[in-house]
Amino acid sequence: MASGDYRSEDEYYVVLQLLSTTWCCRNLNYWDSVSTLAGEVAHPRKTFPRALFIGVALVVFMYLGPLLVGLGVTTDASNWELGYFTEVAKLVRAST
């Protein structure tokens, strides 16, 4: 951390946890508005299946990405509990 930085290291991990939670929640929002947009899209029979497939693939990646990083750092199942991604971030930072 920078010498003029007044925040503790744990506060950064709390912010990181909040940002990652917000990102995951954003991935789940707006799936129900697809039907209301069908009239606004050219060729919806072709466009919507492609867009939904890409969207689902991105959401799966956004969940599996952090999970696979966490499993790469530690595989001890007894450690995995609510909020453990903060500890994973500390382990990843320590290993770099």
N, C-alpha and C. Protein backbone atom coordinates (compact mmCIF):
# COMPACT_ATOMS: atom_id res chain seq x y z
N MET A 1 0.83 -1.18 0.00
CA MET A 1 0.00 0.00 0.00
C MET A 1 0.88 1.24 0.00
N ALA A 2 0.32 2.33 -0.46
CA ALA A 2 1.06 3.58 -0.52
C ALA A 2 1.31 4.11 0.89
N SER A 3 2.37 4.89 1.03
CA SER A 3 2.73 5.37 2.37
C SER A 3 1.69 6.33 2.93
N GLY A 4 0.98 7.06 2.08
CA GLY A 4 -0.03 8.00 2.56
C GLY A 4 -1.40 7.38 2.70
N ASP A 5 -1.49 6.08 2.54
CA ASP A 5 -2.77 5.40 2.59
C ASP A 5 -3.16 5.15 4.04
N TYR A 6 -4.35 5.55 4.43
CA TYR A 6 -4.78 5.45 5.81
C TYR A 6 -5.69 4.26 6.07
N ARG A 7 -6.06 3.53 5.06
CA ARG A 7 -6.98 2.40 5.25
C ARG A 7 -6.19 1.14 5.58
N SER A 8 -6.81 0.31 6.39
CA SER A 8 -6.17 -0.96 6.71
C SER A 8 -6.35 -1.93 5.54
N GLU A 9 -5.55 -2.97 5.54
CA GLU A 9 -5.61 -3.94 4.47
C GLU A 9 -6.95 -4.68 4.46
N ASP A 10 -7.52 -4.93 5.64
CA ASP A 10 -8.81 -5.63 5.71
C ASP A 10 -9.93 -4.82 5.08
N GLU A 11 -9.85 -3.48 5.16
CA GLU A 11 -10.89 -2.66 4.56
C GLU A 11 -10.90 -2.81 3.04
N TYR A 12 -9.73 -3.00 2.45
CA TYR A 12 -9.68 -3.23 1.00
C TYR A 12 -10.36 -4.53 0.62
N TYR A 13 -10.21 -5.56 1.44
CA TYR A 13 -10.84 -6.84 1.13
C TYR A 13 -12.35 -6.78 1.31
N VAL A 14 -12.82 -5.96 2.26
CA VAL A 14 -14.26 -5.77 2.42
C VAL A 14 -14.82 -5.08 1.19
N VAL A 15 -14.13 -4.07 0.70
CA VAL A 15 -14.56 -3.38 -0.52
C VAL A 15 -14.54 -4.34 -1.70
N LEU A 16 -13.51 -5.15 -1.80
CA LEU A 16 -13.42 -6.14 -2.87
C LEU A 16 -14.59 -7.12 -2.80
N GLN A 17 -14.95 -7.56 -1.61
CA GLN A 17 -16.07 -8.48 -1.44
C GLN A 17 -17.38 -7.81 -1.86
N LEU A 18 -17.57 -6.55 -1.49
CA LEU A 18 -18.79 -5.85 -1.87
C LEU A 18 -18.87 -5.66 -3.39
N LEU A 19 -17.76 -5.33 -4.01
CA LEU A 19 -17.77 -5.16 -5.46
C LEU A 19 -18.05 -6.46 -6.19
N SER A 20 -17.47 -7.56 -5.71
CA SER A 20 -17.70 -8.84 -6.37
C SER A 20 -19.15 -9.30 -6.18
N THR A 21 -19.72 -9.04 -5.00
CA THR A 21 -21.12 -9.39 -4.76
C THR A 21 -22.03 -8.57 -5.65
N THR A 22 -21.73 -7.28 -5.79
CA THR A 22 -22.53 -6.42 -6.65
C THR A 22 -22.45 -6.89 -8.09
N TRP A 23 -21.25 -7.29 -8.53
CA TRP A 23 -21.08 -7.76 -9.90
C TRP A 23 -21.90 -9.03 -10.15
N CYS A 24 -21.89 -9.94 -9.19
CA CYS A 24 -22.67 -11.18 -9.35
C CYS A 24 -24.16 -10.89 -9.40
N CYS A 25 -24.62 -9.96 -8.57
CA CYS A 25 -26.05 -9.61 -8.59
C CYS A 25 -26.44 -8.96 -9.91
N ARG A 26 -25.55 -8.16 -10.47
CA ARG A 26 -25.83 -7.54 -11.77
C ARG A 26 -25.98 -8.61 -12.84
N ASN A 27 -25.26 -9.70 -12.71
CA ASN A 27 -25.36 -10.78 -13.69
C ASN A 27 -26.75 -11.43 -13.67
N LEU A 28 -27.41 -11.39 -12.53
CA LEU A 28 -28.72 -12.04 -12.42
C LEU A 28 -29.89 -11.12 -12.79
N ASN A 29 -29.67 -9.83 -12.85
CA ASN A 29 -30.75 -8.89 -13.12
C ASN A 29 -31.07 -8.81 -14.60
N TYR A 30 -32.26 -8.38 -14.89
CA TYR A 30 -32.72 -8.03 -16.23
C TYR A 30 -32.97 -9.20 -17.17
N TRP A 31 -32.94 -10.42 -16.70
CA TRP A 31 -33.26 -11.54 -17.58
C TRP A 31 -34.75 -11.55 -17.91
N ASP A 32 -35.57 -10.97 -17.04
CA ASP A 32 -37.01 -10.98 -17.27
C ASP A 32 -37.45 -9.92 -18.28
N SER A 33 -36.60 -8.98 -18.62
CA SER A 33 -36.99 -7.92 -19.55
C SER A 33 -36.76 -8.29 -21.01
N VAL A 34 -36.35 -9.50 -21.27
CA VAL A 34 -36.09 -9.94 -22.65
C VAL A 34 -37.36 -9.90 -23.47
N SER A 35 -38.46 -10.34 -22.92
CA SER A 35 -39.71 -10.40 -23.69
C SER A 35 -40.22 -9.01 -24.06
N THR A 36 -39.96 -8.01 -23.23
CA THR A 36 -40.43 -6.66 -23.56
C THR A 36 -39.57 -6.00 -24.63
N LEU A 37 -38.38 -6.50 -24.88
CA LEU A 37 -37.50 -5.93 -25.89
C LEU A 37 -37.64 -6.59 -27.25
N ALA A 38 -38.40 -7.65 -27.35
CA ALA A 38 -38.49 -8.41 -28.59
C ALA A 38 -38.99 -7.56 -29.75
N GLY A 39 -39.87 -6.62 -29.51
CA GLY A 39 -40.38 -5.77 -30.58
C GLY A 39 -39.39 -4.72 -31.04
N GLU A 40 -38.35 -4.48 -30.27
CA GLU A 40 -37.37 -3.45 -30.59
C GLU A 40 -36.15 -3.98 -31.35
N VAL A 41 -36.07 -5.28 -31.51
CA VAL A 41 -34.88 -5.90 -32.09
C VAL A 41 -35.20 -6.44 -33.48
N ALA A 42 -34.27 -6.19 -34.40
CA ALA A 42 -34.43 -6.75 -35.74
C ALA A 42 -34.12 -8.25 -35.70
N HIS A 43 -34.94 -9.04 -36.33
CA HIS A 43 -34.78 -10.49 -36.41
C HIS A 43 -34.68 -11.14 -35.02
N PRO A 44 -35.70 -10.99 -34.18
CA PRO A 44 -35.61 -11.52 -32.82
C PRO A 44 -35.48 -13.04 -32.74
N ARG A 45 -36.02 -13.76 -33.73
CA ARG A 45 -35.90 -15.23 -33.69
C ARG A 45 -34.45 -15.68 -33.84
N LYS A 46 -33.64 -14.90 -34.50
CA LYS A 46 -32.23 -15.22 -34.66
C LYS A 46 -31.38 -14.56 -33.58
N THR A 47 -31.71 -13.33 -33.24
CA THR A 47 -30.89 -12.54 -32.33
C THR A 47 -31.02 -12.99 -30.88
N PHE A 48 -32.24 -13.26 -30.42
CA PHE A 48 -32.44 -13.58 -29.01
C PHE A 48 -31.79 -14.89 -28.57
N PRO A 49 -31.93 -15.98 -29.32
CA PRO A 49 -31.24 -17.19 -28.87
C PRO A 49 -29.72 -17.00 -28.79
N ARG A 50 -29.16 -16.29 -29.76
CA ARG A 50 -27.72 -16.04 -29.74
C ARG A 50 -27.34 -15.17 -28.54
N ALA A 51 -28.10 -14.12 -28.29
CA ALA A 51 -27.81 -13.23 -27.17
C ALA A 51 -27.98 -13.94 -25.83
N LEU A 52 -29.00 -14.76 -25.71
CA LEU A 52 -29.21 -15.50 -24.46
C LEU A 52 -28.10 -16.52 -24.23
N PHE A 53 -27.67 -17.18 -25.28
CA PHE A 53 -26.57 -18.14 -25.14
C PHE A 53 -25.30 -17.43 -24.69
N ILE A 54 -24.96 -16.31 -25.32
CA ILE A 54 -23.78 -15.55 -24.93
C ILE A 54 -23.92 -15.01 -23.52
N GLY A 55 -25.10 -14.53 -23.18
CA GLY A 55 -25.33 -14.01 -21.83
C GLY A 55 -25.18 -15.08 -20.76
N VAL A 56 -25.76 -16.23 -21.00
CA VAL A 56 -25.64 -17.34 -20.02
C VAL A 56 -24.19 -17.78 -19.91
N ALA A 57 -23.49 -17.85 -21.04
CA ALA A 57 -22.07 -18.24 -20.99
C ALA A 57 -21.25 -17.25 -20.18
N LEU A 58 -21.53 -15.95 -20.33
CA LEU A 58 -20.81 -14.94 -19.55
C LEU A 58 -21.11 -15.05 -18.06
N VAL A 59 -22.37 -15.29 -17.72
CA VAL A 59 -22.73 -15.43 -16.31
C VAL A 59 -22.06 -16.66 -15.70
N VAL A 60 -22.06 -17.76 -16.43
CA VAL A 60 -21.40 -18.97 -15.94
C VAL A 60 -19.92 -18.71 -15.72
N PHE A 61 -19.29 -18.02 -16.67
CA PHE A 61 -17.87 -17.69 -16.53
C PHE A 61 -17.63 -16.78 -15.33
N MET A 62 -18.53 -15.82 -15.10
CA MET A 62 -18.35 -14.88 -13.99
C MET A 62 -18.47 -15.60 -12.63
N TYR A 63 -19.19 -16.68 -12.59
CA TYR A 63 -19.26 -17.46 -11.35
C TYR A 63 -18.13 -18.48 -11.25
N LEU A 64 -17.82 -19.15 -12.35
CA LEU A 64 -16.78 -20.18 -12.31
C LEU A 64 -15.38 -19.60 -12.22
N GLY A 65 -15.16 -18.42 -12.80
CA GLY A 65 -13.83 -17.80 -12.76
C GLY A 65 -13.29 -17.64 -11.35
N PRO A 66 -13.99 -16.90 -10.49
CA PRO A 66 -13.51 -16.77 -9.11
C PRO A 66 -13.45 -18.09 -8.35
N LEU A 67 -14.40 -18.99 -8.64
CA LEU A 67 -14.39 -20.28 -7.96
C LEU A 67 -13.16 -21.10 -8.34
N LEU A 68 -12.81 -21.10 -9.62
CA LEU A 68 -11.63 -21.85 -10.04
C LEU A 68 -10.34 -21.23 -9.52
N VAL A 69 -10.29 -19.91 -9.42
CA VAL A 69 -9.13 -19.26 -8.82
C VAL A 69 -9.03 -19.67 -7.36
N GLY A 70 -10.16 -19.68 -6.66
CA GLY A 70 -10.16 -20.09 -5.26
C GLY A 70 -9.74 -21.53 -5.08
N LEU A 71 -10.18 -22.40 -5.96
CA LEU A 71 -9.77 -23.80 -5.88
C LEU A 71 -8.31 -23.99 -6.23
N GLY A 72 -7.78 -23.08 -7.06
CA GLY A 72 -6.36 -23.14 -7.38
C GLY A 72 -5.48 -22.72 -6.21
N VAL A 73 -6.02 -21.89 -5.34
CA VAL A 73 -5.26 -21.42 -4.19
C VAL A 73 -5.34 -22.41 -3.03
N THR A 74 -6.53 -22.92 -2.77
CA THR A 74 -6.71 -23.87 -1.68
C THR A 74 -7.81 -24.86 -2.05
N THR A 75 -7.60 -26.11 -1.71
CA THR A 75 -8.60 -27.14 -1.98
C THR A 75 -9.17 -27.73 -0.70
N ASP A 76 -8.80 -27.16 0.43
CA ASP A 76 -9.29 -27.65 1.72
C ASP A 76 -10.76 -27.25 1.88
N ALA A 77 -11.66 -28.22 1.80
CA ALA A 77 -13.10 -27.94 1.84
C ALA A 77 -13.56 -27.38 3.18
N SER A 78 -12.83 -27.61 4.24
CA SER A 78 -13.25 -27.10 5.55
C SER A 78 -13.12 -25.58 5.64
N ASN A 79 -12.33 -24.98 4.75
CA ASN A 79 -12.18 -23.52 4.75
C ASN A 79 -13.32 -22.80 4.07
N TRP A 80 -14.00 -23.47 3.16
CA TRP A 80 -15.02 -22.80 2.35
C TRP A 80 -16.28 -22.57 3.16
N GLU A 81 -16.49 -21.33 3.49
CA GLU A 81 -17.69 -20.90 4.20
C GLU A 81 -18.06 -19.52 3.69
N LEU A 82 -19.13 -18.97 4.20
CA LEU A 82 -19.60 -17.66 3.77
C LEU A 82 -18.51 -16.61 3.95
N GLY A 83 -18.21 -15.87 2.90
CA GLY A 83 -17.22 -14.82 2.97
C GLY A 83 -15.79 -15.28 2.73
N TYR A 84 -15.61 -16.51 2.28
CA TYR A 84 -14.26 -17.04 2.13
C TYR A 84 -13.52 -16.44 0.93
N PHE A 85 -14.23 -15.84 0.00
CA PHE A 85 -13.55 -15.24 -1.14
C PHE A 85 -12.65 -14.08 -0.71
N THR A 86 -12.93 -13.48 0.43
CA THR A 86 -12.03 -12.46 0.96
C THR A 86 -10.69 -13.08 1.33
N GLU A 87 -10.74 -14.25 1.95
CA GLU A 87 -9.50 -14.97 2.28
C GLU A 87 -8.77 -15.44 1.02
N VAL A 88 -9.54 -15.83 0.01
CA VAL A 88 -8.94 -16.24 -1.26
C VAL A 88 -8.20 -15.06 -1.87
N ALA A 89 -8.79 -13.87 -1.82
CA ALA A 89 -8.12 -12.68 -2.35
C ALA A 89 -6.82 -12.41 -1.61
N LYS A 90 -6.81 -12.62 -0.31
CA LYS A 90 -5.58 -12.43 0.46
C LYS A 90 -4.52 -13.45 0.06
N LEU A 91 -4.95 -14.69 -0.17
CA LEU A 91 -4.01 -15.73 -0.57
C LEU A 91 -3.47 -15.48 -1.98
N VAL A 92 -4.32 -15.00 -2.87
CA VAL A 92 -3.86 -14.69 -4.23
C VAL A 92 -2.88 -13.55 -4.20
N ARG A 93 -3.18 -12.54 -3.41
CA ARG A 93 -2.26 -11.39 -3.31
C ARG A 93 -0.94 -11.80 -2.70
N ALA A 94 -0.97 -12.69 -1.72
CA ALA A 94 0.26 -13.14 -1.06
C ALA A 94 1.12 -13.99 -2.00
N SER A 95 0.48 -14.67 -2.94
CA SER A 95 1.23 -15.54 -3.84
C SER A 95 1.81 -14.80 -5.04
N THR A 96 1.43 -13.55 -5.23
CA THR A 96 1.97 -12.81 -6.38
C THR A 96 3.13 -11.93 -5.99
